[in-house]
Protein backbone atom coordinates (compact mmCIF):
# COMPACT_ATOMS: atom_id res chain seq x y z
CA UNK A 1 -51.38 17.72 -26.65
CA UNK A 2 -49.19 20.83 -27.74
CA UNK A 3 -45.98 21.90 -26.35
CA UNK A 4 -45.37 25.63 -25.79
CA UNK A 5 -42.21 26.87 -27.80
CA UNK A 6 -40.81 28.63 -24.44
CA UNK A 7 -40.83 25.17 -22.58
CA UNK A 8 -39.31 23.51 -25.26
CA UNK A 9 -36.48 26.30 -25.89
CA UNK A 10 -36.11 26.37 -21.96
CA UNK A 11 -35.95 23.01 -21.79
CA UNK A 12 -32.93 22.31 -24.57
CA UNK A 13 -31.36 25.38 -23.28
CA UNK A 14 -31.45 23.71 -19.56
CA UNK A 15 -29.66 20.45 -20.98
CA UNK A 16 -27.27 22.02 -23.13
CA UNK A 17 -26.09 24.32 -20.30
CA UNK A 18 -26.09 21.14 -18.17
CA UNK A 19 -24.30 19.23 -20.87
CA UNK A 20 -21.64 21.89 -21.34
CA UNK A 21 -21.17 22.00 -17.32
CA UNK A 22 -20.17 18.71 -16.99
CA UNK A 23 -17.87 18.54 -20.08
CA UNK A 24 -15.98 21.62 -18.70
CA UNK A 25 -15.80 19.51 -15.20
CA UNK A 26 -14.64 16.91 -16.75
CA UNK A 27 -11.29 18.60 -18.60
CA UNK A 28 -10.77 20.28 -15.61
CA UNK A 29 -10.68 17.29 -13.66
CA UNK A 30 -13.44 18.57 -11.21
CA UNK A 31 -15.14 15.64 -12.01
CA UNK A 32 -14.46 11.97 -12.93
CA UNK A 33 -16.10 8.85 -14.75
CA UNK A 34 -17.65 6.89 -12.27
CA UNK A 35 -15.55 3.25 -11.63
CA UNK A 36 -17.38 0.06 -12.46
CA UNK A 37 -15.44 -1.68 -9.62
CA UNK A 38 -16.08 -0.85 -5.83
CA UNK A 39 -13.41 -2.53 -3.48
CA UNK A 40 -13.97 -2.73 0.33
CA UNK A 41 -11.60 -0.23 2.11
CA UNK A 42 -11.50 -2.59 5.27
CA UNK A 43 -10.83 -6.12 3.59
CA UNK A 44 -9.65 -5.40 -0.28
CA UNK A 45 -12.40 -7.15 -1.40
CA UNK A 46 -14.60 -6.13 -4.41
CA UNK A 47 -18.21 -5.17 -3.25
CA UNK A 48 -20.93 -6.98 -5.36
CA UNK A 49 -23.81 -5.80 -3.35
CA UNK A 50 -24.80 -2.52 -0.96
CA UNK A 51 -22.21 -3.40 1.31
CA UNK A 52 -19.35 -5.80 1.72
CA UNK A 53 -20.75 -9.47 2.55
CA UNK A 54 -17.44 -10.70 4.22
CA UNK A 55 -17.44 -7.47 6.44
CA UNK A 56 -20.87 -7.28 7.28
CA UNK A 57 -21.43 -10.52 8.55
């Protein structure tokens, strides 16, 4: 299997542009790092599943 140089250059330049856009967004505070911990807005407990198990039942 042979990789075309034009496809490789297009892929590398696209990934480079995406990386620069993410970096610029983080520096301008337009983006923020994802929070690891989620808190239920209703009861204030940490959400372990997709929904809060104490509020959903």
